[in-house]
Amino acid sequence: MSTDPPPSAGGSGPERTREDRELFVRYHCGGDARARDQLVERFLPLARQLARRYQRAGEPLDDLLQVASLGLIKAIDRFDPEREIAFSSYAVPTILGELKRYFRDRTWAVRVPRDLQELTLKVDRVVGKLSEDLRRQPSVAEIATAVDAEEEDVLEALQAGGAYRAVSFDAPRAGNDDEVATLGDSVGIDEQGFDRAEERATLQQLMSTVTPREREVLRMRFEQDMTQAEIGAVIGVSQMQVSRVIRQAISRLRSAADAEPASPPT
């Protein structure tokens, strides 16, 4: 939790404190709903300031204001007017607790440990403040000193910040590359080369189960697209013999594909 003093609730002084206490007594002791509404209106600036303190890029301020307002109402309902403390001192931890719970339970795209979530949010706020004060990006050591944490923990928190919000692969990609329209297009494509390489390796192993003559006939028939008559003329056999060689070779390849690799024929 921040060590900063509680933000102003829109007025101060003994008169304001007395009026606040009277409203709390009317609400808690007399059930005056109108007094409750007045208390909400009086301390709503406190909730707004705390919500803005936790605002970060990509997080709608309206959502944070609703969460902070809910925390304010809870604080009003639970506050004991007989206690000798200022209401703002009681309300600030309650509102901050609601904001932290909101960030912890609803806004993280990937679940990370609670202590790391809180450190990540703390680091995020400190980075913004240090960047403004130093007019440059703060170092990990400077951030660690500011949040009173180890440098390794700060590095882990910075990395965990990437899990805060998911981005769709269908989201438009920034830049001027017309060929890459979405983020998914820039990540990668389906690479068919791996399948072809595996098929070639499998075929090479299967081809070792046929004779050199059968292998040459298959090459001429299926790679060079030669007819059986043309193949017969090259190797000096009839077309019928070429057909028999092809059938035998294909039968042997099918058997080898269904069984363990066989030793090359002699």
C-alpha atoms as a PDB file:
ATOM      1  CA  MET A   1       0.000   0.000   0.000  1.00  0.00           C
ATOM      2  CA  SER A   2       1.156   3.501  -0.721  1.00  0.00           C
ATOM      3  CA  THR A   3       2.629   5.503   2.144  1.00  0.00           C
ATOM      4  CA  ASP A   4       1.217   8.731   0.733  1.00  0.00           C
ATOM      5  CA  PRO A   5      -1.231  10.570   3.008  1.00  0.00           C
ATOM      6  CA  PRO A   6      -4.926   9.980   2.261  1.00  0.00           C
ATOM      7  CA  PRO A   7      -6.202  12.246  -0.499  1.00  0.00           C
ATOM      8  CA  SER A   8      -8.466  15.074   0.481  1.00  0.00           C
ATOM      9  CA  ALA A   9     -12.188  14.250   0.532  1.00  0.00           C
ATOM     10  CA  GLY A  10     -13.239  17.707  -0.517  1.00  0.00           C
ATOM     11  CA  GLY A  11     -12.988  19.837   2.608  1.00  0.00           C
ATOM     12  CA  SER A  12     -11.410  19.735   6.071  1.00  0.00           C
ATOM     13  CA  GLY A  13     -11.519  21.211   9.535  1.00  0.00           C
ATOM     14  CA  PRO A  14     -13.452  20.571  12.745  1.00  0.00           C
ATOM     15  CA  GLU A  15     -16.745  21.723  11.217  1.00  0.00           C
ATOM     16  CA  ARG A  16     -16.484  19.228   8.377  1.00  0.00           C
ATOM     17  CA  THR A  17     -15.516  16.436  10.785  1.00  0.00           C
ATOM     18  CA  ARG A  18     -18.510  17.239  13.013  1.00  0.00           C
ATOM     19  CA  GLU A  19     -20.894  17.207  10.061  1.00  0.00           C
ATOM     20  CA  ASP A  20     -19.506  13.896   8.837  1.00  0.00           C
ATOM     21  CA  ARG A  21     -19.918  12.314  12.259  1.00  0.00           C
ATOM     22  CA  GLU A  22     -23.509  13.545  12.501  1.00  0.00           C
ATOM     23  CA  LEU A  23     -24.307  11.974   9.155  1.00  0.00           C
ATOM     24  CA  PHE A  24     -22.733   8.668  10.214  1.00  0.00           C
ATOM     25  CA  VAL A  25     -24.765   8.674  13.425  1.00  0.00           C
ATOM     26  CA  ARG A  26     -27.969   9.399  11.493  1.00  0.00           C
ATOM     27  CA  TYR A  27     -27.227   6.570   9.088  1.00  0.00           C
ATOM     28  CA  HIS A  28     -25.913   3.878  11.423  1.00  0.00           C
ATOM     29  CA  CYS A  29     -28.073   4.665  14.410  1.00  0.00           C
ATOM     30  CA  GLY A  30     -31.207   6.008  12.751  1.00  0.00           C
ATOM     31  CA  GLY A  31     -31.152   4.182   9.423  1.00  0.00           C
ATOM     32  CA  ASP A  32     -31.309   7.446   7.480  1.00  0.00           C
ATOM     33  CA  ALA A  33     -30.700   6.450   3.849  1.00  0.00           C
ATOM     34  CA  ARG A  34     -30.480  10.097   2.827  1.00  0.00           C
ATOM     35  CA  ALA A  35     -27.564  10.582   5.223  1.00  0.00           C
ATOM     36  CA  ARG A  36     -25.823   7.652   3.514  1.00  0.00           C
ATOM     37  CA  ASP A  37     -26.297   9.296   0.123  1.00  0.00           C
ATOM     38  CA  GLN A  38     -24.829  12.529   1.471  1.00  0.00           C
ATOM     39  CA  LEU A  39     -21.802  10.679   2.804  1.00  0.00           C
ATOM     40  CA  VAL A  40     -21.241   9.032  -0.582  1.00  0.00           C
ATOM     41  CA  GLU A  41     -21.437  12.432  -2.276  1.00  0.00           C
ATOM     42  CA  ARG A  42     -19.060  14.007   0.245  1.00  0.00           C
ATOM     43  CA  PHE A  43     -16.355  11.333  -0.080  1.00  0.00           C
ATOM     44  CA  LEU A  44     -16.728  10.550  -3.775  1.00  0.00           C
ATOM     45  CA  PRO A  45     -13.750  12.840  -4.595  1.00  0.00           C
ATOM     46  CA  LEU A  46     -11.624  10.575  -2.374  1.00  0.00           C
ATOM     47  CA  ALA A  47     -12.664   7.533  -4.415  1.00  0.00           C
ATOM     48  CA  ARG A  48     -11.956   9.373  -7.673  1.00  0.00           C
ATOM     49  CA  GLN A  49      -8.435  10.335  -6.613  1.00  0.00           C
ATOM     50  CA  LEU A  50      -7.612   6.775  -5.593  1.00  0.00           C
ATOM     51  CA  ALA A  51      -9.005   5.411  -8.870  1.00  0.00           C
ATOM     52  CA  ARG A  52      -6.849   7.809 -10.870  1.00  0.00           C
ATOM     53  CA  ARG A  53      -3.820   6.765  -8.838  1.00  0.00           C
ATOM     54  CA  TYR A  54      -4.309   3.191 -10.071  1.00  0.00           C
ATOM     55  CA  GLN A  55      -5.114   4.071 -13.663  1.00  0.00           C
ATOM     56  CA  ARG A  56      -2.806   2.474 -16.220  1.00  0.00           C
ATOM     57  CA  ALA A  57      -2.635   2.273 -19.994  1.00  0.00           C
ATOM     58  CA  GLY A  58      -5.480   0.310 -21.521  1.00  0.00           C
ATOM     59  CA  GLU A  59      -7.578   0.297 -18.329  1.00  0.00           C
ATOM     60  CA  PRO A  60     -10.806   2.361 -18.621  1.00  0.00           C
ATOM     61  CA  LEU A  61     -11.007   4.990 -15.883  1.00  0.00           C
ATOM     62  CA  ASP A  62     -14.780   4.533 -15.648  1.00  0.00           C
ATOM     63  CA  ASP A  63     -14.297   0.914 -14.554  1.00  0.00           C
ATOM     64  CA  LEU A  64     -11.841   1.964 -11.861  1.00  0.00           C
ATOM     65  CA  LEU A  65     -14.205   4.687 -10.666  1.00  0.00           C
ATOM     66  CA  GLN A  66     -16.973   2.128 -10.268  1.00  0.00           C
ATOM     67  CA  VAL A  67     -14.710  -0.177  -8.285  1.00  0.00           C
ATOM     68  CA  ALA A  68     -13.484   2.676  -6.073  1.00  0.00           C
ATOM     69  CA  SER A  69     -17.069   3.854  -5.508  1.00  0.00           C
ATOM     70  CA  LEU A  70     -18.049   0.343  -4.448  1.00  0.00           C
ATOM     71  CA  GLY A  71     -15.163   0.360  -1.984  1.00  0.00           C
ATOM     72  CA  LEU A  72     -16.336   3.730  -0.657  1.00  0.00           C
ATOM     73  CA  ILE A  73     -19.863   2.415  -0.067  1.00  0.00           C
ATOM     74  CA  LYS A  74     -18.486  -0.624   1.753  1.00  0.00           C
ATOM     75  CA  ALA A  75     -16.361   1.646   3.932  1.00  0.00           C
ATOM     76  CA  ILE A  76     -19.388   3.823   4.776  1.00  0.00           C
ATOM     77  CA  ASP A  77     -21.482   0.785   5.672  1.00  0.00           C
ATOM     78  CA  ARG A  78     -18.770  -0.718   7.883  1.00  0.00           C
ATOM     79  CA  PHE A  79     -17.481   2.417   9.592  1.00  0.00           C
ATOM     80  CA  ASP A  80     -18.129   2.763  13.317  1.00  0.00           C
ATOM     81  CA  PRO A  81     -18.794   6.455  14.142  1.00  0.00           C
ATOM     82  CA  GLU A  82     -17.851   5.778  17.768  1.00  0.00           C
ATOM     83  CA  ARG A  83     -14.258   5.088  16.805  1.00  0.00           C
ATOM     84  CA  GLU A  84     -11.898   8.007  17.357  1.00  0.00           C
ATOM     85  CA  ILE A  85     -10.449   7.998  13.835  1.00  0.00           C
ATOM     86  CA  ALA A  86     -11.154  10.037  10.737  1.00  0.00           C
ATOM     87  CA  PHE A  87     -13.316   8.270   8.187  1.00  0.00           C
ATOM     88  CA  SER A  88     -10.817   8.924   5.369  1.00  0.00           C
ATOM     89  CA  SER A  89      -8.153   6.975   7.310  1.00  0.00           C
ATOM     90  CA  TYR A  90     -10.547   4.031   7.407  1.00  0.00           C
ATOM     91  CA  ALA A  91     -11.856   4.404   3.860  1.00  0.00           C
ATOM     92  CA  VAL A  92      -8.533   4.574   2.017  1.00  0.00           C
ATOM     93  CA  PRO A  93      -7.424   0.974   2.813  1.00  0.00           C
ATOM     94  CA  THR A  94     -10.910  -0.319   2.009  1.00  0.00           C
ATOM     95  CA  ILE A  95     -11.041   1.408  -1.385  1.00  0.00           C
ATOM     96  CA  LEU A  96      -7.467   0.389  -2.247  1.00  0.00           C
ATOM     97  CA  GLY A  97      -8.325  -3.185  -1.313  1.00  0.00           C
ATOM     98  CA  GLU A  98     -11.197  -3.182  -3.811  1.00  0.00           C
ATOM     99  CA  LEU A  99      -8.978  -1.752  -6.539  1.00  0.00           C
ATOM    100  CA  LYS A 100      -6.233  -4.314  -5.908  1.00  0.00           C
ATOM    101  CA  ARG A 101      -8.785  -7.127  -5.901  1.00  0.00           C
ATOM    102  CA  TYR A 102     -10.148  -5.864  -9.209  1.00  0.00           C
ATOM    103  CA  PHE A 103      -6.708  -5.909 -10.803  1.00  0.00           C
ATOM    104  CA  ARG A 104      -5.886  -9.279  -9.264  1.00  0.00           C
ATOM    105  CA  ASP A 105      -9.063 -11.157 -10.184  1.00  0.00           C
ATOM    106  CA  ARG A 106     -10.495  -9.572 -13.324  1.00  0.00           C
ATOM    107  CA  THR A 107      -7.924  -7.866 -15.482  1.00  0.00           C
ATOM    108  CA  TRP A 108      -5.066 -10.345 -15.842  1.00  0.00           C
ATOM    109  CA  ALA A 109      -5.187 -12.363 -19.053  1.00  0.00           C
ATOM    110  CA  VAL A 110      -2.880 -15.005 -17.538  1.00  0.00           C
ATOM    111  CA  ARG A 111      -3.047 -15.983 -13.881  1.00  0.00           C
ATOM    112  CA  VAL A 112       0.094 -15.126 -11.905  1.00  0.00           C
ATOM    113  CA  PRO A 113       0.735 -15.315  -8.142  1.00  0.00           C
ATOM    114  CA  ARG A 114      -0.986 -12.643  -6.057  1.00  0.00           C
ATOM    115  CA  ASP A 115       2.213 -11.181  -4.590  1.00  0.00           C
ATOM    116  CA  LEU A 116       3.688 -10.896  -8.074  1.00  0.00           C
ATOM    117  CA  GLN A 117       0.525  -9.184  -9.330  1.00  0.00           C
ATOM    118  CA  GLU A 118       0.716  -6.586  -6.565  1.00  0.00           C
ATOM    119  CA  LEU A 119       4.436  -6.012  -7.159  1.00  0.00           C
ATOM    120  CA  THR A 120       3.799  -5.654 -10.904  1.00  0.00           C
ATOM    121  CA  LEU A 121       1.178  -2.968 -10.309  1.00  0.00           C
ATOM    122  CA  LYS A 122       3.478  -1.211  -7.852  1.00  0.00           C
ATOM    123  CA  VAL A 123       6.382  -1.341 -10.322  1.00  0.00           C
ATOM    124  CA  ASP A 124       4.143  -0.024 -13.096  1.00  0.00           C
ATOM    125  CA  ARG A 125       3.185   3.049 -11.043  1.00  0.00           C
ATOM    126  CA  VAL A 126       6.774   3.659  -9.929  1.00  0.00           C
ATOM    127  CA  VAL A 127       8.120   3.407 -13.486  1.00  0.00           C
ATOM    128  CA  GLY A 128       5.725   6.122 -14.605  1.00  0.00           C
ATOM    129  CA  LYS A 129       6.676   8.412 -11.726  1.00  0.00           C
ATOM    130  CA  LEU A 130      10.432   7.838 -12.087  1.00  0.00           C
ATOM    131  CA  SER A 131      10.272   8.363 -15.858  1.00  0.00           C
ATOM    132  CA  GLU A 132       8.628  11.721 -15.274  1.00  0.00           C
ATOM    133  CA  ASP A 133      11.069  12.747 -12.532  1.00  0.00           C
ATOM    134  CA  LEU A 134      14.228  11.502 -14.259  1.00  0.00           C
ATOM    135  CA  ARG A 135      13.082  12.392 -17.796  1.00  0.00           C
ATOM    136  CA  ARG A 136      14.333   8.973 -18.930  1.00  0.00           C
ATOM    137  CA  GLN A 137      13.523   5.325 -18.493  1.00  0.00           C
ATOM    138  CA  PRO A 138      14.580   4.231 -14.981  1.00  0.00           C
ATOM    139  CA  SER A 139      17.017   1.379 -14.496  1.00  0.00           C
ATOM    140  CA  VAL A 140      16.081  -1.859 -12.774  1.00  0.00           C
ATOM    141  CA  ALA A 141      18.210  -0.869  -9.789  1.00  0.00           C
ATOM    142  CA  GLU A 142      16.385   2.468  -9.457  1.00  0.00           C
ATOM    143  CA  ILE A 143      13.009   0.749  -9.656  1.00  0.00           C
ATOM    144  CA  ALA A 144      14.070  -1.850  -7.072  1.00  0.00           C
ATOM    145  CA  THR A 145      15.147   0.900  -4.667  1.00  0.00           C
ATOM    146  CA  ALA A 146      11.864   2.774  -5.136  1.00  0.00           C
ATOM    147  CA  VAL A 147       9.666  -0.269  -4.472  1.00  0.00           C
ATOM    148  CA  ASP A 148      11.992  -1.758  -1.823  1.00  0.00           C
ATOM    149  CA  ALA A 149      12.415  -5.062  -3.639  1.00  0.00           C
ATOM    150  CA  GLU A 150      15.182  -7.215  -5.078  1.00  0.00           C
ATOM    151  CA  GLU A 151      16.261  -6.529  -8.657  1.00  0.00           C
ATOM    152  CA  GLU A 152      15.389 -10.092  -9.706  1.00  0.00           C
ATOM    153  CA  ASP A 153      11.873  -9.616  -8.315  1.00  0.00           C
ATOM    154  CA  VAL A 154      11.540  -6.372 -10.276  1.00  0.00           C
ATOM    155  CA  LEU A 155      12.645  -8.117 -13.477  1.00  0.00           C
ATOM    156  CA  GLU A 156      10.081 -10.835 -12.857  1.00  0.00           C
ATOM    157  CA  ALA A 157       7.402  -8.212 -12.256  1.00  0.00           C
ATOM    158  CA  LEU A 158       8.294  -6.408 -15.475  1.00  0.00           C
ATOM    159  CA  GLN A 159       8.039  -9.680 -17.373  1.00  0.00           C
ATOM    160  CA  ALA A 160       4.742 -10.562 -15.685  1.00  0.00           C
ATOM    161  CA  GLY A 161       3.341  -7.242 -16.886  1.00  0.00           C
ATOM    162  CA  GLY A 162       3.072  -8.830 -20.309  1.00  0.00           C
ATOM    163  CA  ALA A 163       0.431 -11.189 -18.925  1.00  0.00           C
ATOM    164  CA  TYR A 164      -1.811  -8.320 -17.870  1.00  0.00           C
ATOM    165  CA  ARG A 165      -3.845  -8.083 -21.045  1.00  0.00           C
ATOM    166  CA  ALA A 166      -4.106 -10.473 -23.991  1.00  0.00           C
ATOM    167  CA  VAL A 167      -4.049  -9.207 -27.568  1.00  0.00           C
ATOM    168  CA  SER A 168      -6.003 -11.010 -30.255  1.00  0.00           C
ATOM    169  CA  PHE A 169      -4.087 -12.388 -33.234  1.00  0.00           C
ATOM    170  CA  ASP A 170      -6.819 -10.786 -35.340  1.00  0.00           C
ATOM    171  CA  ALA A 171      -5.938  -7.311 -34.056  1.00  0.00           C
ATOM    172  CA  PRO A 172      -4.640  -4.910 -36.737  1.00  0.00           C
ATOM    173  CA  ARG A 173      -0.855  -4.696 -36.813  1.00  0.00           C
ATOM    174  CA  ALA A 174       0.785  -1.315 -36.468  1.00  0.00           C
ATOM    175  CA  GLY A 175       3.136  -0.286 -39.246  1.00  0.00           C
ATOM    176  CA  ASN A 176       3.202   0.238 -42.975  1.00  0.00           C
ATOM    177  CA  ASP A 177       3.616  -3.352 -44.099  1.00  0.00           C
ATOM    178  CA  ASP A 178       0.612  -3.907 -46.372  1.00  0.00           C
ATOM    179  CA  GLU A 179       1.360  -7.629 -46.630  1.00  0.00           C
ATOM    180  CA  VAL A 180       0.952  -8.116 -42.873  1.00  0.00           C
ATOM    181  CA  ALA A 181      -2.544  -6.943 -41.934  1.00  0.00           C
ATOM    182  CA  THR A 182      -2.958  -8.531 -38.483  1.00  0.00           C
ATOM    183  CA  LEU A 183      -0.734  -9.470 -35.572  1.00  0.00           C
ATOM    184  CA  GLY A 184      -1.280 -13.133 -36.384  1.00  0.00           C
ATOM    185  CA  ASP A 185       0.106 -12.589 -39.898  1.00  0.00           C
ATOM    186  CA  SER A 186       3.367 -11.308 -38.428  1.00  0.00           C
ATOM    187  CA  VAL A 187       3.803 -14.201 -35.988  1.00  0.00           C
ATOM    188  CA  GLY A 188       4.288 -16.890 -38.603  1.00  0.00           C
ATOM    189  CA  ILE A 189       2.758 -19.024 -41.327  1.00  0.00           C
ATOM    190  CA  ASP A 190       2.070 -22.703 -41.880  1.00  0.00           C
ATOM    191  CA  GLU A 191       5.376 -24.137 -43.061  1.00  0.00           C
ATOM    192  CA  GLN A 192       4.857 -27.108 -45.359  1.00  0.00           C
ATOM    193  CA  GLY A 193       8.582 -27.756 -45.744  1.00  0.00           C
ATOM    194  CA  PHE A 194       8.760 -29.790 -42.538  1.00  0.00           C
ATOM    195  CA  ASP A 195       6.108 -32.211 -43.784  1.00  0.00           C
ATOM    196  CA  ARG A 196       7.822 -32.538 -47.139  1.00  0.00           C
ATOM    197  CA  ALA A 197      11.175 -33.198 -45.484  1.00  0.00           C
ATOM    198  CA  GLU A 198       9.624 -35.917 -43.331  1.00  0.00           C
ATOM    199  CA  GLU A 199       7.942 -37.461 -46.369  1.00  0.00           C
ATOM    200  CA  ARG A 200      11.237 -37.454 -48.284  1.00  0.00           C
ATOM    201  CA  ALA A 201      13.010 -39.152 -45.393  1.00  0.00           C
ATOM    202  CA  THR A 202      10.277 -41.789 -45.166  1.00  0.00           C
ATOM    203  CA  LEU A 203      10.311 -42.385 -48.919  1.00  0.00           C
ATOM    204  CA  GLN A 204      14.096 -42.681 -48.952  1.00  0.00           C
ATOM    205  CA  GLN A 205      13.919 -45.352 -46.280  1.00  0.00           C
ATOM    206  CA  LEU A 206      11.182 -47.233 -48.135  1.00  0.00           C
ATOM    207  CA  MET A 207      13.040 -47.053 -51.454  1.00  0.00           C
ATOM    208  CA  SER A 208      15.920 -48.936 -49.853  1.00  0.00           C
ATOM    209  CA  THR A 209      13.660 -52.009 -49.800  1.00  0.00           C
ATOM    210  CA  VAL A 210      13.461 -52.301 -53.599  1.00  0.00           C
ATOM    211  CA  THR A 211      16.157 -53.398 -56.025  1.00  0.00           C
ATOM    212  CA  PRO A 212      18.229 -50.859 -57.989  1.00  0.00           C
ATOM    213  CA  ARG A 213      16.463 -51.964 -61.189  1.00  0.00           C
ATOM    214  CA  GLU A 214      13.004 -51.436 -59.609  1.00  0.00           C
ATOM    215  CA  ARG A 215      14.107 -48.095 -58.220  1.00  0.00           C
ATOM    216  CA  GLU A 216      15.221 -46.939 -61.692  1.00  0.00           C
ATOM    217  CA  VAL A 217      11.941 -48.079 -63.265  1.00  0.00           C
ATOM    218  CA  LEU A 218       9.906 -46.240 -60.609  1.00  0.00           C
ATOM    219  CA  ARG A 219      11.994 -43.111 -61.166  1.00  0.00           C
ATOM    220  CA  MET A 220      11.407 -43.138 -64.912  1.00  0.00           C
ATOM    221  CA  ARG A 221       7.682 -43.853 -64.498  1.00  0.00           C
ATOM    222  CA  PHE A 222       6.771 -41.418 -61.706  1.00  0.00           C
ATOM    223  CA  GLU A 223       9.465 -38.743 -61.865  1.00  0.00           C
ATOM    224  CA  GLN A 224      10.026 -38.508 -65.613  1.00  0.00           C
ATOM    225  CA  ASP A 225       6.441 -39.531 -66.486  1.00  0.00           C
ATOM    226  CA  MET A 226       7.628 -42.026 -69.117  1.00  0.00           C
ATOM    227  CA  THR A 227       5.269 -44.654 -70.526  1.00  0.00           C
ATOM    228  CA  GLN A 228       5.833 -48.330 -69.890  1.00  0.00           C
ATOM    229  CA  ALA A 229       6.727 -48.807 -73.553  1.00  0.00           C
ATOM    230  CA  GLU A 230       9.344 -46.052 -73.335  1.00  0.00           C
ATOM    231  CA  ILE A 231      10.800 -47.559 -70.173  1.00  0.00           C
ATOM    232  CA  GLY A 232      10.936 -51.007 -71.828  1.00  0.00           C
ATOM    233  CA  ALA A 233      12.827 -49.568 -74.753  1.00  0.00           C
ATOM    234  CA  VAL A 234      15.402 -47.982 -72.392  1.00  0.00           C
ATOM    235  CA  ILE A 235      16.083 -51.081 -70.278  1.00  0.00           C
ATOM    236  CA  GLY A 236      15.558 -53.632 -73.067  1.00  0.00           C
ATOM    237  CA  VAL A 237      12.430 -55.462 -71.889  1.00  0.00           C
ATOM    238  CA  SER A 238       8.831 -55.689 -72.978  1.00  0.00           C
ATOM    239  CA  GLN A 239       6.052 -53.408 -71.802  1.00  0.00           C
ATOM    240  CA  MET A 240       4.479 -56.355 -69.924  1.00  0.00           C
ATOM    241  CA  GLN A 241       7.717 -56.957 -68.039  1.00  0.00           C
ATOM    242  CA  VAL A 242       7.901 -53.279 -67.100  1.00  0.00           C
ATOM    243  CA  SER A 243       4.354 -53.479 -65.749  1.00  0.00           C
ATOM    244  CA  ARG A 244       5.307 -56.539 -63.681  1.00  0.00           C
ATOM    245  CA  VAL A 245       8.376 -54.756 -62.254  1.00  0.00           C
ATOM    246  CA  ILE A 246       6.278 -51.743 -61.243  1.00  0.00           C
ATOM    247  CA  ARG A 247       3.630 -53.930 -59.531  1.00  0.00           C
ATOM    248  CA  GLN A 248       6.274 -55.881 -57.626  1.00  0.00           C
ATOM    249  CA  ALA A 249       8.070 -52.716 -56.510  1.00  0.00           C
ATOM    250  CA  ILE A 250       4.868 -51.011 -55.329  1.00  0.00           C
ATOM    251  CA  SER A 251       3.791 -54.170 -53.483  1.00  0.00           C
ATOM    252  CA  ARG A 252       7.159 -54.286 -51.710  1.00  0.00           C
ATOM    253  CA  LEU A 253       6.903 -50.597 -50.773  1.00  0.00           C
ATOM    254  CA  ARG A 254       3.436 -51.104 -49.288  1.00  0.00           C
ATOM    255  CA  SER A 255       4.618 -54.056 -47.248  1.00  0.00           C
ATOM    256  CA  ALA A 256       7.607 -52.090 -45.973  1.00  0.00           C
ATOM    257  CA  ALA A 257       5.380 -49.143 -45.009  1.00  0.00           C
ATOM    258  CA  ASP A 258       3.212 -51.464 -42.873  1.00  0.00           C
ATOM    259  CA  ALA A 259       6.141 -53.253 -41.256  1.00  0.00           C
ATOM    260  CA  GLU A 260       9.546 -52.616 -39.785  1.00  0.00           C
ATOM    261  CA  PRO A 261      12.153 -51.338 -42.289  1.00  0.00           C
ATOM    262  CA  ALA A 262      13.652 -54.253 -44.145  1.00  0.00           C
ATOM    263  CA  SER A 263      17.228 -54.699 -45.217  1.00  0.00           C
ATOM    264  CA  PRO A 264      18.011 -53.695 -48.790  1.00  0.00           C
ATOM    265  CA  PRO A 265      17.553 -56.577 -51.195  1.00  0.00           C
ATOM    266  CA  THR A 266      20.601 -58.092 -52.769  1.00  0.00           C
END
